[in-house]
Amino acid sequence: PCTIAWLLKPEIFTTVERWVGVETQGKYTQGMTVVDYYFLTGNKPNATVMVDVDRQGFVDLLAERLKFYA
């Protein structure tokens, strides 16, 4: 639901640009999504990562959208 909410109302989210990859070699983990929050890999950011949300804004948006189905 957060991705759709972000597309509808991005201002209720705090985001950062970070490098994200999927560990497939088993070096750190197996098949896990890894986010380089601290720029340790030296890789350029390739994703927008949500780190916070205005909870009330999210609930209000959800309620607003769900009322169409009531």
C-alpha atoms as a PDB file:
ATOM      1  CA  PRO A   1       0.000   0.000   0.000  1.00  0.00           C
ATOM      2  CA  CYS A   2       2.889   2.427   0.630  1.00  0.00           C
ATOM      3  CA  THR A   3       4.039   2.458  -2.989  1.00  0.00           C
ATOM      4  CA  ILE A   4       0.572   3.339  -4.258  1.00  0.00           C
ATOM      5  CA  ALA A   5       0.131   5.943  -1.514  1.00  0.00           C
ATOM      6  CA  TRP A   6       3.514   7.459  -2.448  1.00  0.00           C
ATOM      7  CA  LEU A   7       2.412   7.708  -6.086  1.00  0.00           C
ATOM      8  CA  LEU A   8      -0.814   9.444  -5.013  1.00  0.00           C
ATOM      9  CA  LYS A   9       0.611  11.675  -2.278  1.00  0.00           C
ATOM     10  CA  PRO A  10       4.434  11.689  -2.098  1.00  0.00           C
ATOM     11  CA  GLU A  11       4.520  14.614   0.322  1.00  0.00           C
ATOM     12  CA  ILE A  12       3.468  12.380   3.241  1.00  0.00           C
ATOM     13  CA  PHE A  13       6.661  10.308   2.883  1.00  0.00           C
ATOM     14  CA  THR A  14      10.299  10.991   3.677  1.00  0.00           C
ATOM     15  CA  THR A  15      12.570   9.297   1.153  1.00  0.00           C
ATOM     16  CA  VAL A  16      16.291   8.941   0.515  1.00  0.00           C
ATOM     17  CA  GLU A  17      18.219   7.853  -2.555  1.00  0.00           C
ATOM     18  CA  ARG A  18      20.277   4.733  -1.845  1.00  0.00           C
ATOM     19  CA  TRP A  19      21.835   1.758  -3.621  1.00  0.00           C
ATOM     20  CA  VAL A  20      19.681  -1.370  -3.308  1.00  0.00           C
ATOM     21  CA  GLY A  21      20.669  -4.856  -4.423  1.00  0.00           C
ATOM     22  CA  VAL A  22      19.701  -8.479  -3.964  1.00  0.00           C
ATOM     23  CA  GLU A  23      22.363 -10.672  -2.359  1.00  0.00           C
ATOM     24  CA  THR A  24      22.749 -13.768  -4.539  1.00  0.00           C
ATOM     25  CA  GLN A  25      26.290 -14.868  -3.714  1.00  0.00           C
ATOM     26  CA  GLY A  26      25.676 -15.780  -0.081  1.00  0.00           C
ATOM     27  CA  LYS A  27      28.451 -13.442   1.085  1.00  0.00           C
ATOM     28  CA  TYR A  28      26.246 -11.654   3.618  1.00  0.00           C
ATOM     29  CA  THR A  29      22.906 -13.426   3.247  1.00  0.00           C
ATOM     30  CA  GLN A  30      20.992 -15.436   0.625  1.00  0.00           C
ATOM     31  CA  GLY A  31      18.317 -13.803  -1.547  1.00  0.00           C
ATOM     32  CA  MET A  32      17.874 -10.816   0.766  1.00  0.00           C
ATOM     33  CA  THR A  33      17.365  -7.246  -0.381  1.00  0.00           C
ATOM     34  CA  VAL A  34      20.288  -5.148   0.859  1.00  0.00           C
ATOM     35  CA  VAL A  35      20.160  -1.355   1.233  1.00  0.00           C
ATOM     36  CA  ASP A  36      23.395   0.629   1.494  1.00  0.00           C
ATOM     37  CA  TYR A  37      22.139   3.291   3.910  1.00  0.00           C
ATOM     38  CA  TYR A  38      25.637   4.554   4.743  1.00  0.00           C
ATOM     39  CA  PHE A  39      27.250   4.552   1.259  1.00  0.00           C
ATOM     40  CA  LEU A  40      29.689   1.797   2.258  1.00  0.00           C
ATOM     41  CA  THR A  41      29.645  -0.015  -1.107  1.00  0.00           C
ATOM     42  CA  GLY A  42      30.630   2.980  -3.197  1.00  0.00           C
ATOM     43  CA  ASN A  43      27.776   2.165  -5.593  1.00  0.00           C
ATOM     44  CA  LYS A  44      25.652   4.984  -6.993  1.00  0.00           C
ATOM     45  CA  PRO A  45      22.090   5.145  -5.641  1.00  0.00           C
ATOM     46  CA  ASN A  46      19.652   3.232  -7.830  1.00  0.00           C
ATOM     47  CA  ALA A  47      16.463   3.418  -5.756  1.00  0.00           C
ATOM     48  CA  THR A  48      14.248   5.712  -3.752  1.00  0.00           C
ATOM     49  CA  VAL A  49      13.820   4.272  -0.250  1.00  0.00           C
ATOM     50  CA  MET A  50      10.993   5.311   2.068  1.00  0.00           C
ATOM     51  CA  VAL A  51      12.287   5.948   5.574  1.00  0.00           C
ATOM     52  CA  ASP A  52       9.334   7.668   7.261  1.00  0.00           C
ATOM     53  CA  VAL A  53       5.658   8.415   6.754  1.00  0.00           C
ATOM     54  CA  ASP A  54       3.215  10.923   8.176  1.00  0.00           C
ATOM     55  CA  ARG A  55       1.056   8.277   9.839  1.00  0.00           C
ATOM     56  CA  GLN A  56      -2.072  10.409  10.091  1.00  0.00           C
ATOM     57  CA  GLY A  57      -1.668  11.552   6.501  1.00  0.00           C
ATOM     58  CA  PHE A  58      -1.435   7.920   5.387  1.00  0.00           C
ATOM     59  CA  VAL A  59      -4.513   6.903   7.404  1.00  0.00           C
ATOM     60  CA  ASP A  60      -6.460   9.880   6.038  1.00  0.00           C
ATOM     61  CA  LEU A  61      -5.512   8.997   2.454  1.00  0.00           C
ATOM     62  CA  LEU A  62      -6.468   5.358   2.984  1.00  0.00           C
ATOM     63  CA  ALA A  63      -9.831   6.308   4.515  1.00  0.00           C
ATOM     64  CA  GLU A  64     -10.492   8.777   1.698  1.00  0.00           C
ATOM     65  CA  ARG A  65      -9.840   6.117  -0.944  1.00  0.00           C
ATOM     66  CA  LEU A  66     -11.758   3.348   0.839  1.00  0.00           C
ATOM     67  CA  LYS A  67     -14.925   5.436   1.209  1.00  0.00           C
ATOM     68  CA  PHE A  68     -15.555   4.888  -2.505  1.00  0.00           C
ATOM     69  CA  TYR A  69     -16.177   1.205  -1.723  1.00  0.00           C
ATOM     70  CA  ALA A  70     -18.573   1.778   1.182  1.00  0.00           C
END
